[in-house]
Protein backbone atom coordinates (compact mmCIF):
# COMPACT_ATOMS: atom_id res chain seq x y z
CA UNK A 1 108.81 115.32 106.74
CA UNK A 2 105.48 116.71 105.64
CA UNK A 3 102.92 114.15 104.57
CA UNK A 4 103.51 113.03 101.02
CA UNK A 5 106.66 115.11 100.49
CA UNK A 6 109.28 113.91 98.02
CA UNK A 7 107.13 111.26 96.37
CA UNK A 8 105.33 110.79 93.09
CA UNK A 9 101.72 111.40 94.03
CA UNK A 10 99.19 108.59 93.85
CA UNK A 11 97.29 109.39 97.03
CA UNK A 12 96.41 113.11 96.90
CA UNK A 13 98.12 115.14 99.64
CA UNK A 14 94.73 116.56 100.63
CA UNK A 15 93.45 113.06 101.33
CA UNK A 16 96.53 112.19 103.37
CA UNK A 17 96.02 115.33 105.44
CA UNK A 18 92.36 114.46 106.00
CA UNK A 19 93.32 110.97 107.12
CA UNK A 20 95.96 112.34 109.50
CA UNK A 21 93.57 114.88 111.03
CA UNK A 22 91.23 112.13 112.21
CA UNK A 23 93.87 109.65 113.36
CA UNK A 24 93.87 110.67 117.05
CA UNK A 25 90.08 110.62 117.39
CA UNK A 26 89.88 107.22 115.72
CA UNK A 27 92.54 105.83 118.06
CA UNK A 28 90.95 107.27 121.22
CA UNK A 29 87.43 106.08 120.42
CA UNK A 30 88.22 102.94 118.40
CA UNK A 31 86.51 104.18 115.26
CA UNK A 32 87.26 101.83 112.38
CA UNK A 33 88.32 103.82 109.28
CA UNK A 34 85.61 102.66 106.87
CA UNK A 35 85.15 106.14 105.39
CA UNK A 36 88.87 106.69 104.84
CA UNK A 37 89.28 103.27 103.22
CA UNK A 38 86.36 104.03 100.91
CA UNK A 39 88.06 107.25 99.80
CA UNK A 40 91.30 105.39 99.09
CA UNK A 41 89.43 102.74 97.13
CA UNK A 42 87.82 105.49 95.05
CA UNK A 43 91.35 106.67 94.23
CA UNK A 44 92.19 103.09 93.14
CA UNK A 45 95.03 103.01 95.65
CA UNK A 46 94.85 99.22 95.66
CA UNK A 47 95.50 99.04 91.90
CA UNK A 48 98.98 100.56 91.98
CA UNK A 49 100.76 97.28 91.24
CA UNK A 50 98.43 96.06 88.48
CA UNK A 51 100.74 95.65 85.45
CA UNK A 52 100.46 98.15 82.61
CA UNK A 53 99.61 95.43 80.07
CA UNK A 54 96.49 94.70 82.12
CA UNK A 55 95.51 98.38 82.14
CA UNK A 56 97.03 99.27 85.49
CA UNK A 57 99.56 101.88 86.62
CA UNK A 58 102.28 99.21 86.78
CA UNK A 59 104.36 101.11 89.34
CA UNK A 60 107.47 99.60 90.90
CA UNK A 61 107.62 98.03 94.35
CA UNK A 62 109.76 100.98 95.39
CA UNK A 63 107.07 103.45 94.28
CA UNK A 64 104.39 101.52 96.16
CA UNK A 65 106.53 101.51 99.31
CA UNK A 66 106.93 105.30 99.17
CA UNK A 67 103.14 105.60 99.09
CA UNK A 68 102.73 103.16 101.97
CA UNK A 69 105.20 105.16 104.07
CA UNK A 70 103.28 108.38 103.38
CA UNK A 71 99.95 106.72 104.23
CA UNK A 72 101.41 105.18 107.40
CA UNK A 73 102.61 108.60 108.49
CA UNK A 74 99.01 109.75 108.23
CA UNK A 75 97.58 106.64 109.94
CA UNK A 76 99.57 103.43 110.31
CA UNK A 77 96.38 101.38 110.80
CA UNK A 78 95.07 102.29 107.37
CA UNK A 79 98.37 101.59 105.64
CA UNK A 80 98.65 98.24 107.42
CA UNK A 81 95.17 96.99 106.56
CA UNK A 82 95.99 97.04 102.82
CA UNK A 83 98.89 94.63 103.30
CA UNK A 84 96.92 91.50 102.46
CA UNK A 85 95.43 93.16 99.41
CA UNK A 86 98.79 94.14 97.94
CA UNK A 87 100.18 90.69 98.72
CA UNK A 88 97.30 89.19 96.76
CA UNK A 89 97.97 91.51 93.82
CA UNK A 90 101.63 90.42 93.85
CA UNK A 91 100.59 86.76 93.73
CA UNK A 92 98.50 87.33 90.61
CA UNK A 93 101.69 87.70 88.56
CA UNK A 94 102.17 83.96 88.90
CA UNK A 95 98.60 82.83 88.17
CA UNK A 96 97.06 81.56 84.91
CA UNK A 97 95.86 84.18 82.45
CA UNK A 98 92.16 83.58 83.08
CA UNK A 99 92.66 84.19 86.81
CA UNK A 100 94.63 87.36 86.10
CA UNK A 101 91.98 88.69 83.72
CA UNK A 102 89.24 88.27 86.34
CA UNK A 103 91.04 89.59 89.39
CA UNK A 104 93.06 92.39 87.84
CA UNK A 105 89.85 93.78 86.37
CA UNK A 106 88.19 93.70 89.78
CA UNK A 107 91.15 95.42 91.43
CA UNK A 108 91.13 98.10 88.73
CA UNK A 109 87.49 98.78 89.60
CA UNK A 110 88.49 99.49 93.19
CA UNK A 111 87.74 96.09 94.69
CA UNK A 112 90.01 94.97 97.52
CA UNK A 113 91.01 91.64 99.03
CA UNK A 114 91.66 91.01 102.72
CA UNK A 115 93.82 88.40 104.38
CA UNK A 116 92.76 85.26 106.24
CA UNK A 117 95.74 82.94 106.57
CA UNK A 118 96.70 82.38 110.20
CA UNK A 119 94.85 80.07 112.57
CA UNK A 120 94.91 80.96 116.24
CA UNK A 121 95.81 77.49 117.44
CA UNK A 122 95.25 73.78 117.08
CA UNK A 123 97.02 73.35 113.76
CA UNK A 124 100.40 71.65 113.62
CA UNK A 125 103.19 73.70 112.05
CA UNK A 126 102.94 73.30 108.29
CA UNK A 127 99.30 72.19 108.36
CA UNK A 128 95.92 73.94 108.31
CA UNK A 129 92.58 73.08 109.83
CA UNK A 130 90.71 75.18 107.27
CA UNK A 131 89.69 72.79 104.51
CA UNK A 132 88.27 72.55 101.04
CA UNK A 133 85.63 69.89 100.56
CA UNK A 134 83.07 68.98 97.92
CA UNK A 135 79.47 69.32 99.09
CA UNK A 136 76.70 68.38 96.69
CA UNK A 137 79.12 68.54 93.81
CA UNK A 138 80.38 72.03 94.68
CA UNK A 139 83.70 73.04 96.21
CA UNK A 140 83.26 74.64 99.64
CA UNK A 141 85.49 76.21 102.29
CA UNK A 142 85.16 75.59 106.06
CA UNK A 143 87.35 76.84 108.88
CA UNK A 144 88.28 79.70 111.18
CA UNK A 145 91.04 82.29 110.86
CA UNK A 146 92.47 84.87 113.22
CA UNK A 147 94.60 87.93 112.34
CA UNK A 148 92.28 88.55 109.36
CA UNK A 149 93.81 91.97 108.75
CA UNK A 150 91.82 94.19 106.40
CA UNK A 151 89.05 91.68 105.76
CA UNK A 152 86.36 93.70 107.51
CA UNK A 153 87.01 96.57 105.06
CA UNK A 154 87.41 94.46 101.93
CA UNK A 155 85.14 93.08 99.23
CA UNK A 156 86.87 89.68 99.22
CA UNK A 157 89.31 87.82 101.41
CA UNK A 158 92.00 85.31 100.49
CA UNK A 159 91.93 82.22 102.69
CA UNK A 160 94.72 79.66 103.02
CA UNK A 161 93.40 76.12 103.12
CA UNK A 162 94.61 72.54 103.19
CA UNK A 163 94.19 70.81 99.84
CA UNK A 164 91.54 68.23 99.17
CA UNK A 165 92.34 64.68 100.21
CA UNK A 166 95.01 63.16 98.03
CA UNK A 167 96.36 66.50 96.78
CA UNK A 168 99.65 68.18 97.61
CA UNK A 169 100.63 71.77 98.38
CA UNK A 170 98.50 74.61 99.63
CA UNK A 171 95.47 76.34 98.21
CA UNK A 172 94.10 79.84 98.52
CA UNK A 173 90.37 80.41 98.16
CA UNK A 174 89.28 83.97 97.42
CA UNK A 175 85.71 84.46 98.61
CA UNK A 176 83.39 87.44 98.92
CA UNK A 177 83.22 88.84 102.45
CA UNK A 178 79.43 89.04 102.21
CA UNK A 179 79.04 85.50 100.84
CA UNK A 180 76.73 83.10 102.64
CA UNK A 181 78.64 81.35 105.41
CA UNK A 182 81.24 84.10 105.97
CA UNK A 183 81.29 85.83 109.36
CA UNK A 184 83.77 88.64 110.06
CA UNK A 185 84.31 89.83 113.63
CA UNK A 186 86.12 92.88 114.96
CA UNK A 187 87.58 91.16 118.02
CA UNK A 188 91.25 92.18 117.83
CA UNK A 189 92.27 93.40 121.30
CA UNK A 190 95.97 94.12 120.87
CA UNK A 191 97.29 97.34 122.43
CA UNK A 192 98.47 98.64 119.06
CA UNK A 193 97.28 98.76 115.45
CA UNK A 194 93.81 98.56 116.95
CA UNK A 195 91.92 99.67 113.84
CA UNK A 196 93.21 97.23 111.22
CA UNK A 197 90.26 94.86 111.47
CA UNK A 198 92.62 92.11 112.61
CA UNK A 199 90.04 89.74 114.04
CA UNK A 200 88.34 86.39 113.57
CA UNK A 201 86.75 85.28 110.30
CA UNK A 202 84.82 82.03 110.07
CA UNK A 203 83.80 80.10 106.96
CA UNK A 204 80.96 77.60 107.00
CA UNK A 205 80.67 75.68 103.73
CA UNK A 206 81.32 78.80 101.68
CA UNK A 207 81.08 78.17 97.94
CA UNK A 208 84.37 78.71 96.08
CA UNK A 209 84.03 79.76 92.42
CA UNK A 210 86.34 78.05 89.93
CA UNK A 211 88.56 81.06 89.22
CA UNK A 212 88.80 81.86 92.92
CA UNK A 213 90.86 78.79 93.82
CA UNK A 214 94.58 79.54 93.54
CA UNK A 215 97.43 77.06 93.85
CA UNK A 216 100.62 77.75 95.78
CA UNK A 217 103.70 75.59 95.23
CA UNK A 218 106.19 75.44 98.09
CA UNK A 219 109.50 77.01 97.13
CA UNK A 220 108.10 78.66 94.01
CA UNK A 221 109.05 82.19 93.00
CA UNK A 222 105.55 83.26 94.01
CA UNK A 223 106.08 81.89 97.52
CA UNK A 224 109.55 83.44 97.88
CA UNK A 225 108.49 86.82 96.50
CA UNK A 226 105.30 87.19 98.51
CA UNK A 227 106.87 86.14 101.81
CA UNK A 228 109.53 88.81 101.43
CA UNK A 229 107.03 91.38 100.16
CA UNK A 230 104.77 90.93 103.20
CA UNK A 231 107.68 91.72 105.53
CA UNK A 232 108.86 94.67 103.44
CA UNK A 233 105.36 96.10 103.65
CA UNK A 234 105.43 96.00 107.46
CA UNK A 235 108.79 97.76 107.52
CA UNK A 236 107.33 100.52 105.34
CA UNK A 237 104.49 100.98 107.83
CA UNK A 238 107.03 101.27 110.64
CA UNK A 239 108.95 103.96 108.76
CA UNK A 240 105.69 105.88 108.41
CA UNK A 241 105.24 105.64 112.19
CA UNK A 242 108.74 107.08 112.66
CA UNK A 243 107.85 110.04 110.45
CA UNK A 244 104.64 110.58 112.43
CA UNK A 245 106.48 110.55 115.76
CA UNK A 246 109.04 113.05 114.48
CA UNK A 247 106.26 115.22 113.04
CA UNK A 248 104.31 115.28 116.30
CA UNK A 249 107.41 115.97 118.40
CA UNK A 250 108.53 118.94 116.31
CA UNK A 251 105.02 120.38 115.98
CA UNK A 252 104.52 120.27 119.76
CA UNK A 253 107.93 121.79 120.47
CA UNK A 254 107.25 124.73 118.18
CA UNK A 255 104.18 125.60 120.28
CA UNK A 256 105.59 124.85 123.74
CA UNK A 257 106.44 127.80 126.00
CA UNK A 258 106.91 126.09 129.37
CA UNK A 259 110.33 124.92 130.57
CA UNK A 260 112.03 123.70 133.79
CA UNK A 261 114.32 125.43 136.25
CA UNK A 262 116.70 122.51 135.74
CA UNK A 263 117.21 123.50 132.12
CA UNK A 264 120.76 124.66 131.49
CA UNK A 265 119.60 127.74 129.58
CA UNK A 266 116.05 128.49 130.69
CA UNK A 267 115.22 128.94 127.02
CA UNK A 268 112.09 127.67 125.35
CA UNK A 269 112.28 123.98 124.54
CA UNK A 270 112.55 124.67 120.83
CA UNK A 271 115.71 126.70 121.51
CA UNK A 272 117.25 124.29 124.02
CA UNK A 273 120.33 122.58 122.49
CA UNK A 274 119.71 119.32 124.38
CA UNK A 275 116.15 119.06 123.05
CA UNK A 276 117.39 119.94 119.58
CA UNK A 277 119.92 117.13 119.90
CA UNK A 278 117.19 114.59 120.63
CA UNK A 279 115.19 115.77 117.62
CA UNK A 280 118.35 115.51 115.54
CA UNK A 281 118.78 111.88 116.58
CA UNK A 282 115.14 111.13 115.80
CA UNK A 283 115.50 112.72 112.37
CA UNK A 284 118.69 110.81 111.62
CA UNK A 285 117.22 107.46 112.65
CA UNK A 286 114.11 108.11 110.56
CA UNK A 287 116.29 108.90 107.57
CA UNK A 288 118.37 105.75 108.01
CA UNK A 289 115.29 103.54 108.49
CA UNK A 290 113.65 104.91 105.36
CA UNK A 291 116.84 104.63 103.32
CA UNK A 292 117.16 100.98 104.32
CA UNK A 293 113.56 100.14 103.48
CA UNK A 294 113.63 101.89 100.11
CA UNK A 295 116.85 100.07 99.26
CA UNK A 296 115.16 96.76 100.13
CA UNK A 297 112.29 97.76 97.84
CA UNK A 298 114.74 98.32 94.99
CA UNK A 299 116.22 94.87 95.65
CA UNK A 300 112.69 93.46 95.44
CA UNK A 301 112.15 95.06 92.06
CA UNK A 302 115.39 93.60 90.72
CA UNK A 303 114.84 90.16 92.26
CA UNK A 304 111.30 89.94 90.90
CA UNK A 305 112.38 90.98 87.43
CA UNK A 306 115.22 88.45 87.39
CA UNK A 307 112.71 85.68 87.99
CA UNK A 308 110.21 86.97 85.48
CA UNK A 309 112.98 87.16 82.87
CA UNK A 310 113.65 83.46 83.54
CA UNK A 311 109.97 82.61 83.10
CA UNK A 312 109.21 81.82 86.74
CA UNK A 313 105.78 83.45 86.43
CA UNK A 314 104.51 80.77 84.07
CA UNK A 315 102.38 78.26 86.04
CA UNK A 316 104.15 75.38 84.28
CA UNK A 317 107.66 76.56 85.31
CA UNK A 318 109.50 73.74 87.08
CA UNK A 319 113.16 74.78 86.82
CA UNK A 320 115.57 76.02 89.45
CA UNK A 321 114.95 79.59 90.59
CA UNK A 322 117.71 82.05 89.74
CA UNK A 323 119.76 82.70 92.86
CA UNK A 324 119.06 86.42 92.41
CA UNK A 325 115.41 85.78 93.29
CA UNK A 326 116.40 85.10 96.89
CA UNK A 327 118.06 88.50 97.25
CA UNK A 328 114.67 89.96 98.26
CA UNK A 329 114.39 87.68 101.30
CA UNK A 330 118.01 88.25 102.32
CA UNK A 331 117.61 92.02 102.10
CA UNK A 332 114.35 92.20 103.99
CA UNK A 333 115.65 90.01 106.81
CA UNK A 334 118.69 92.26 107.25
CA UNK A 335 116.40 95.28 107.46
CA UNK A 336 114.09 93.51 109.91
CA UNK A 337 116.96 93.16 112.36
CA UNK A 338 117.58 96.92 112.51
CA UNK A 339 114.62 99.01 111.32
CA UNK A 340 112.13 98.03 114.07
CA UNK A 341 114.67 98.91 116.77
CA UNK A 342 115.31 102.30 115.17
CA UNK A 343 111.60 103.06 115.01
CA UNK A 344 110.99 101.99 118.61
CA UNK A 345 113.85 104.25 119.71
CA UNK A 346 112.29 107.16 117.80
CA UNK A 347 108.86 106.63 119.37
CA UNK A 348 110.50 106.45 122.82
CA UNK A 349 112.60 109.58 122.30
CA UNK A 350 109.43 111.48 121.41
CA UNK A 351 108.60 111.56 125.14
CA UNK A 352 112.07 112.77 126.10
CA UNK A 353 111.41 115.98 124.18
CA UNK A 354 108.06 116.96 125.71
CA UNK A 355 107.73 116.11 129.39
CA UNK A 356 104.78 114.73 131.34
CA UNK A 357 102.20 116.59 129.27
CA UNK A 358 103.04 114.27 126.38
CA UNK A 359 101.40 111.40 128.28
CA UNK A 360 97.96 113.02 128.41
CA UNK A 361 95.50 110.59 126.86
CA UNK A 362 93.79 113.09 124.51
CA UNK A 363 97.09 113.58 122.68
CA UNK A 364 97.39 109.84 121.98
CA UNK A 365 101.13 110.18 121.40
CA UNK A 366 101.61 106.75 122.92
CA UNK A 367 99.94 105.27 119.84
CA UNK A 368 103.20 105.61 117.89
CA UNK A 369 105.12 103.35 120.29
CA UNK A 370 102.20 100.95 120.70
CA UNK A 371 101.75 100.63 116.95
CA UNK A 372 105.45 100.21 116.23
CA UNK A 373 105.83 97.59 118.95
CA UNK A 374 102.80 95.66 117.74
CA UNK A 375 104.13 95.49 114.18
CA UNK A 376 107.59 94.50 115.43
CA UNK A 377 106.11 91.34 117.00
CA UNK A 378 104.77 90.00 113.69
CA UNK A 379 107.95 88.08 112.91
CA UNK A 380 110.39 87.42 115.80
CA UNK A 381 113.53 89.39 115.02
CA UNK A 382 115.79 86.91 116.84
CA UNK A 383 114.93 84.25 114.24
CA UNK A 384 115.89 86.67 111.46
CA UNK A 385 119.23 87.49 113.06
CA UNK A 386 120.07 83.78 113.35
CA UNK A 387 119.08 83.14 109.71
CA UNK A 388 121.25 85.98 108.42
CA UNK A 389 124.14 84.78 110.56
CA UNK A 390 123.80 81.30 109.05
CA UNK A 391 123.66 82.85 105.59
CA UNK A 392 126.79 84.94 106.11
CA UNK A 393 128.82 82.07 107.61
CA UNK A 394 127.53 79.06 105.69
CA UNK A 395 125.74 80.48 102.66
CA UNK A 396 122.42 79.00 103.79
CA UNK A 397 119.60 80.87 102.07
CA UNK A 398 117.05 82.16 104.62
CA UNK A 399 113.50 80.86 104.41
CA UNK A 400 110.63 83.33 104.26
CA UNK A 401 107.82 83.13 106.80
CA UNK A 402 105.08 80.92 105.35
CA UNK A 403 103.64 78.88 108.19
CA UNK A 404 102.62 79.30 111.84
CA UNK A 405 101.40 76.43 113.99
CA UNK A 406 101.96 74.22 116.99
CA UNK A 407 105.51 72.91 117.38
CA UNK A 408 105.93 69.16 117.13
CA UNK A 409 108.01 66.92 119.46
CA UNK A 410 111.48 66.18 118.12
CA UNK A 411 111.68 62.71 116.59
């Protein structure tokens, strides 16, 4: 698949090609993609999901996912680092009008929001050490987050925090990345997705403006929708990686002239039926993975709309969620069980088509497997398989990922 083929263009194909051309150099020399992100922000890529009645493009989840796949084919790091931003934009659908007016307008001007939710350790499951407190009559934020994907590139970051004493639920504080008391570090040392800015961010009595404090009710449509959306987004990035691996394999084979005496035909690799068979399998698996993810995206669109039709986006909504809302989580968990394995197989088969020269470091072809494997670890697949099994047998609705922390002794 050529970059950006068969999609309604939001990111210009020329920009995707420019991003792809620099992907190997950035990976080899750990060059963070500040320039490329700036170009995407100029294109208002981050505003795709701003509703039309707020002046935005108002595209569907499915349309966004096609763009994410195309961007991930060019550079999976860059596609991934926007995940927190798009999750934030999704959450705005459920916020009060004054919050929407402020933040949608900022997003439409090209401003972006990073993610700072997970704490590296020391917090019990379901709790957070990052806290909101009142200092000299002003609300402040103090704590430390790891896995702050995208924050180093963003204008703001959304921080999960424990509520003030005596309050229930969870809060999100959206603070400027250059605000006093905010420190962003590029200390992510994973072997894949190395350029996503997934590092440590600390907050030391950072002032939180009134319209930058967002509530999150457990079990709300907002919580259900965003949890499923975050996982769908990762699957889209993996499909982009599959396309990139297939692209690089076929491009290299077209140029290759060397072969082995053990070949059955002695023909060039591109004419060898066994090599063609491997490429055929890679192509088929890429097709199936993409078809699954786009179908999940369509389920998301329908599930979201079913809730909005029932009024779940109103902050005062307290009724039962329509059962159709949960279809998004069910669908994404089913895809999580299969799509990552397909993509990892594709990135492995890439090396079966090319020989030892494919392992040369300057080619950086290993980045496809490393990146796919890194993303696949974000949410243990074995837990998803168990949840879907319970759903199929007992009708138990699966719960979206919303908390990470230290396990507690059984009572």
